[in-house]
Amino acid sequence: MQDDEILLMLKEFSNVFHEFNSKALKFIDDKLNKTGLVRTHFVILHELIDGKELSMSDLSEILHVTKPNITVLIDKLVKLHYVERVTSTRDRRIFLIRLTDEGKSFFKKTAEELIKSSAGLLSNLDDEDLELINQTTQAMRKLSSKFNKYLL
């Protein structure tokens, strides 16, 4: 394939990916906004769901969000009783963030609602479209693993 064809293909892929990603994120954001939270709050809960305790610095790094912004996000989750700050047993100067039982319950319920809403959206598609989604997902997974060889 010639360089100009590759560039055209890359531009088209980028445009389609951006359009799909924007629509998918808007769909998720619309659902999450009804809970009073934004997507970043939900990602924080997701990071903590398996019983992890993470520092503010850890969360800042994982989410690529500044520490002051993480503080604001965590403050809201603490106020809602979804997370709590606990002192690290290794270093009393460090506070770790962990999910509360209420936070686990909220996360699981909201995740389930998101999945059901997404499934409802997909139920409007015919079998041919659903198979295309499946094939595209498999192809993207295969390409992603190939890219990993070059990026590591």
C-alpha atoms as a PDB file:
ATOM      1  CA  MET A   1       0.000   0.000   0.000  1.00  0.00           C
ATOM      2  CA  GLN A   2       1.318   3.450  -0.932  1.00  0.00           C
ATOM      3  CA  ASP A   3       2.014   6.161   1.651  1.00  0.00           C
ATOM      4  CA  ASP A   4      -0.831   8.373   0.438  1.00  0.00           C
ATOM      5  CA  GLU A   5      -3.270   5.435   0.654  1.00  0.00           C
ATOM      6  CA  ILE A   6      -2.089   4.681   4.192  1.00  0.00           C
ATOM      7  CA  LEU A   7      -2.532   8.320   5.187  1.00  0.00           C
ATOM      8  CA  LEU A   8      -6.038   8.397   3.718  1.00  0.00           C
ATOM      9  CA  MET A   9      -6.925   5.138   5.481  1.00  0.00           C
ATOM     10  CA  LEU A  10      -5.526   6.457   8.758  1.00  0.00           C
ATOM     11  CA  LYS A  11      -7.494   9.706   8.422  1.00  0.00           C
ATOM     12  CA  GLU A  12     -10.719   7.813   7.717  1.00  0.00           C
ATOM     13  CA  PHE A  13     -10.114   5.434  10.630  1.00  0.00           C
ATOM     14  CA  SER A  14      -9.399   8.343  12.941  1.00  0.00           C
ATOM     15  CA  ASN A  15     -12.586  10.142  11.891  1.00  0.00           C
ATOM     16  CA  VAL A  16     -14.791   7.071  12.301  1.00  0.00           C
ATOM     17  CA  PHE A  17     -13.180   6.138  15.611  1.00  0.00           C
ATOM     18  CA  HIS A  18     -13.617   9.684  16.939  1.00  0.00           C
ATOM     19  CA  GLU A  19     -17.271   9.793  15.856  1.00  0.00           C
ATOM     20  CA  PHE A  20     -18.056   6.401  17.402  1.00  0.00           C
ATOM     21  CA  ASN A  21     -16.148   7.202  20.590  1.00  0.00           C
ATOM     22  CA  SER A  22     -17.910  10.569  20.949  1.00  0.00           C
ATOM     23  CA  LYS A  23     -21.338   8.984  20.585  1.00  0.00           C
ATOM     24  CA  ALA A  24     -20.523   6.155  22.985  1.00  0.00           C
ATOM     25  CA  LEU A  25     -19.136   8.531  25.615  1.00  0.00           C
ATOM     26  CA  LYS A  26     -22.120  10.863  25.260  1.00  0.00           C
ATOM     27  CA  PHE A  27     -24.455   7.910  25.803  1.00  0.00           C
ATOM     28  CA  ILE A  28     -22.528   6.908  28.948  1.00  0.00           C
ATOM     29  CA  ASP A  29     -22.275  10.494  30.196  1.00  0.00           C
ATOM     30  CA  ASP A  30     -26.019  11.038  29.763  1.00  0.00           C
ATOM     31  CA  LYS A  31     -26.733   7.941  31.868  1.00  0.00           C
ATOM     32  CA  LEU A  32     -24.171   8.824  34.545  1.00  0.00           C
ATOM     33  CA  ASN A  33     -25.239  12.469  34.783  1.00  0.00           C
ATOM     34  CA  LYS A  34     -28.620  11.267  36.072  1.00  0.00           C
ATOM     35  CA  THR A  35     -26.760   9.944  39.121  1.00  0.00           C
ATOM     36  CA  GLY A  36     -25.145  13.340  39.760  1.00  0.00           C
ATOM     37  CA  LEU A  37     -21.693  11.997  38.896  1.00  0.00           C
ATOM     38  CA  VAL A  38     -19.424  12.337  35.897  1.00  0.00           C
ATOM     39  CA  ARG A  39     -17.553   9.587  34.082  1.00  0.00           C
ATOM     40  CA  THR A  40     -14.347  10.240  36.037  1.00  0.00           C
ATOM     41  CA  HIS A  41     -16.166   9.514  39.312  1.00  0.00           C
ATOM     42  CA  PHE A  42     -17.327   6.220  37.864  1.00  0.00           C
ATOM     43  CA  VAL A  43     -13.800   5.351  36.706  1.00  0.00           C
ATOM     44  CA  ILE A  44     -12.512   6.007  40.231  1.00  0.00           C
ATOM     45  CA  LEU A  45     -15.119   3.623  41.641  1.00  0.00           C
ATOM     46  CA  HIS A  46     -14.160   1.071  38.992  1.00  0.00           C
ATOM     47  CA  GLU A  47     -10.489   1.300  39.985  1.00  0.00           C
ATOM     48  CA  LEU A  48     -11.425   0.592  43.611  1.00  0.00           C
ATOM     49  CA  ILE A  49     -14.086  -2.094  43.052  1.00  0.00           C
ATOM     50  CA  ASP A  50     -11.863  -5.102  43.756  1.00  0.00           C
ATOM     51  CA  GLY A  51     -10.969  -3.917  47.245  1.00  0.00           C
ATOM     52  CA  LYS A  52      -7.984  -1.843  46.161  1.00  0.00           C
ATOM     53  CA  GLU A  53      -6.873   1.051  48.297  1.00  0.00           C
ATOM     54  CA  LEU A  54      -5.200   3.753  46.235  1.00  0.00           C
ATOM     55  CA  SER A  55      -3.529   7.001  47.160  1.00  0.00           C
ATOM     56  CA  MET A  56      -4.566  10.288  45.611  1.00  0.00           C
ATOM     57  CA  SER A  57      -1.277  10.249  43.682  1.00  0.00           C
ATOM     58  CA  ASP A  58      -2.034   6.748  42.365  1.00  0.00           C
ATOM     59  CA  LEU A  59      -5.466   7.843  41.190  1.00  0.00           C
ATOM     60  CA  SER A  60      -4.037  10.992  39.664  1.00  0.00           C
ATOM     61  CA  GLU A  61      -1.546   8.944  37.665  1.00  0.00           C
ATOM     62  CA  ILE A  62      -4.023   6.241  36.613  1.00  0.00           C
ATOM     63  CA  LEU A  63      -6.648   8.742  35.461  1.00  0.00           C
ATOM     64  CA  HIS A  64      -4.252  11.373  34.087  1.00  0.00           C
ATOM     65  CA  VAL A  65      -5.961  13.989  36.247  1.00  0.00           C
ATOM     66  CA  THR A  66      -4.196  16.608  38.356  1.00  0.00           C
ATOM     67  CA  LYS A  67      -4.022  16.062  42.115  1.00  0.00           C
ATOM     68  CA  PRO A  68      -6.195  19.112  42.870  1.00  0.00           C
ATOM     69  CA  ASN A  69      -8.881  17.748  40.528  1.00  0.00           C
ATOM     70  CA  ILE A  70      -8.637  14.293  42.099  1.00  0.00           C
ATOM     71  CA  THR A  71      -9.197  15.926  45.484  1.00  0.00           C
ATOM     72  CA  VAL A  72     -12.411  17.578  44.250  1.00  0.00           C
ATOM     73  CA  LEU A  73     -13.637  14.318  42.718  1.00  0.00           C
ATOM     74  CA  ILE A  74     -12.858  12.301  45.852  1.00  0.00           C
ATOM     75  CA  ASP A  75     -14.454  14.922  48.112  1.00  0.00           C
ATOM     76  CA  LYS A  76     -17.756  14.442  46.291  1.00  0.00           C
ATOM     77  CA  LEU A  77     -17.519  10.645  46.518  1.00  0.00           C
ATOM     78  CA  VAL A  78     -16.735  10.909  50.253  1.00  0.00           C
ATOM     79  CA  LYS A  79     -19.715  13.225  50.751  1.00  0.00           C
ATOM     80  CA  LEU A  80     -21.943  10.625  49.052  1.00  0.00           C
ATOM     81  CA  HIS A  81     -20.412   7.891  51.275  1.00  0.00           C
ATOM     82  CA  TYR A  82     -19.181   5.964  48.196  1.00  0.00           C
ATOM     83  CA  VAL A  83     -15.510   6.091  49.253  1.00  0.00           C
ATOM     84  CA  GLU A  84     -13.609   6.799  52.435  1.00  0.00           C
ATOM     85  CA  ARG A  85     -10.167   8.082  53.244  1.00  0.00           C
ATOM     86  CA  VAL A  86      -8.072   5.804  55.451  1.00  0.00           C
ATOM     87  CA  THR A  87      -4.587   6.326  56.806  1.00  0.00           C
ATOM     88  CA  SER A  88      -1.926   4.123  55.244  1.00  0.00           C
ATOM     89  CA  THR A  89      -0.491   1.547  57.645  1.00  0.00           C
ATOM     90  CA  ARG A  90       2.922   2.031  56.003  1.00  0.00           C
ATOM     91  CA  ASP A  91       3.043   5.823  56.137  1.00  0.00           C
ATOM     92  CA  ARG A  92       0.664   7.810  58.347  1.00  0.00           C
ATOM     93  CA  ARG A  93       1.139  10.885  56.136  1.00  0.00           C
ATOM     94  CA  ILE A  94      -0.575   9.131  53.223  1.00  0.00           C
ATOM     95  CA  PHE A  95      -4.313   8.736  52.917  1.00  0.00           C
ATOM     96  CA  LEU A  96      -5.650   5.866  50.874  1.00  0.00           C
ATOM     97  CA  ILE A  97      -9.015   5.868  49.168  1.00  0.00           C
ATOM     98  CA  ARG A  98     -11.201   2.809  49.391  1.00  0.00           C
ATOM     99  CA  LEU A  99     -14.711   1.931  48.346  1.00  0.00           C
ATOM    100  CA  THR A 100     -17.435   1.681  50.971  1.00  0.00           C
ATOM    101  CA  ASP A 101     -20.202  -0.920  50.895  1.00  0.00           C
ATOM    102  CA  GLU A 102     -22.535   1.834  49.719  1.00  0.00           C
ATOM    103  CA  GLY A 103     -20.063   2.676  46.937  1.00  0.00           C
ATOM    104  CA  LYS A 104     -19.832  -0.977  45.861  1.00  0.00           C
ATOM    105  CA  SER A 105     -23.599  -1.238  45.751  1.00  0.00           C
ATOM    106  CA  PHE A 106     -23.918   2.002  43.770  1.00  0.00           C
ATOM    107  CA  PHE A 107     -21.198   0.955  41.315  1.00  0.00           C
ATOM    108  CA  LYS A 108     -22.681  -2.491  40.673  1.00  0.00           C
ATOM    109  CA  LYS A 109     -26.206  -1.115  40.251  1.00  0.00           C
ATOM    110  CA  THR A 110     -25.079   1.675  37.922  1.00  0.00           C
ATOM    111  CA  ALA A 111     -22.823  -0.630  35.876  1.00  0.00           C
ATOM    112  CA  GLU A 112     -25.710  -3.054  35.462  1.00  0.00           C
ATOM    113  CA  GLU A 113     -28.007  -0.231  34.331  1.00  0.00           C
ATOM    114  CA  LEU A 114     -25.394   0.942  31.821  1.00  0.00           C
ATOM    115  CA  ILE A 115     -25.067  -2.571  30.439  1.00  0.00           C
ATOM    116  CA  LYS A 116     -28.827  -2.973  30.175  1.00  0.00           C
ATOM    117  CA  SER A 117     -29.166   0.408  28.441  1.00  0.00           C
ATOM    118  CA  SER A 118     -26.371  -0.503  26.028  1.00  0.00           C
ATOM    119  CA  ALA A 119     -27.958  -3.893  25.346  1.00  0.00           C
ATOM    120  CA  GLY A 120     -31.265  -2.146  24.704  1.00  0.00           C
ATOM    121  CA  LEU A 121     -29.542   0.101  22.204  1.00  0.00           C
ATOM    122  CA  LEU A 122     -27.980  -2.888  20.447  1.00  0.00           C
ATOM    123  CA  SER A 123     -31.283  -4.780  20.415  1.00  0.00           C
ATOM    124  CA  ASN A 124     -32.418  -2.332  17.722  1.00  0.00           C
ATOM    125  CA  LEU A 125     -29.813  -3.778  15.350  1.00  0.00           C
ATOM    126  CA  ASP A 126     -30.362  -6.814  13.168  1.00  0.00           C
ATOM    127  CA  ASP A 127     -28.284 -10.002  13.400  1.00  0.00           C
ATOM    128  CA  GLU A 128     -26.066  -8.924  10.521  1.00  0.00           C
ATOM    129  CA  ASP A 129     -25.144  -5.679  12.312  1.00  0.00           C
ATOM    130  CA  LEU A 130     -24.508  -7.516  15.578  1.00  0.00           C
ATOM    131  CA  GLU A 131     -22.227  -9.970  13.797  1.00  0.00           C
ATOM    132  CA  LEU A 132     -20.394  -7.043  12.216  1.00  0.00           C
ATOM    133  CA  ILE A 133     -19.833  -5.566  15.692  1.00  0.00           C
ATOM    134  CA  ASN A 134     -18.515  -8.925  16.876  1.00  0.00           C
ATOM    135  CA  GLN A 135     -16.162  -9.310  13.903  1.00  0.00           C
ATOM    136  CA  THR A 136     -14.944  -5.718  14.225  1.00  0.00           C
ATOM    137  CA  THR A 137     -14.259  -6.218  17.929  1.00  0.00           C
ATOM    138  CA  GLN A 138     -12.232  -9.354  17.211  1.00  0.00           C
ATOM    139  CA  ALA A 139     -10.302  -7.608  14.437  1.00  0.00           C
ATOM    140  CA  MET A 140      -9.544  -4.610  16.687  1.00  0.00           C
ATOM    141  CA  ARG A 141      -8.351  -6.936  19.454  1.00  0.00           C
ATOM    142  CA  LYS A 142      -6.042  -8.706  16.985  1.00  0.00           C
ATOM    143  CA  LEU A 143      -4.655  -5.414  15.653  1.00  0.00           C
ATOM    144  CA  SER A 144      -4.196  -4.088  19.175  1.00  0.00           C
ATOM    145  CA  SER A 145      -2.019  -7.049  20.121  1.00  0.00           C
ATOM    146  CA  LYS A 146       0.053  -6.511  16.963  1.00  0.00           C
ATOM    147  CA  PHE A 147       0.519  -2.825  17.823  1.00  0.00           C
ATOM    148  CA  ASN A 148       1.654  -3.800  21.308  1.00  0.00           C
ATOM    149  CA  LYS A 149       4.664  -5.586  19.790  1.00  0.00           C
ATOM    150  CA  TYR A 150       5.815  -2.335  18.214  1.00  0.00           C
ATOM    151  CA  LEU A 151       4.968  -0.037  21.107  1.00  0.00           C
ATOM    152  CA  LEU A 152       6.731  -1.918  23.882  1.00  0.00           C
END
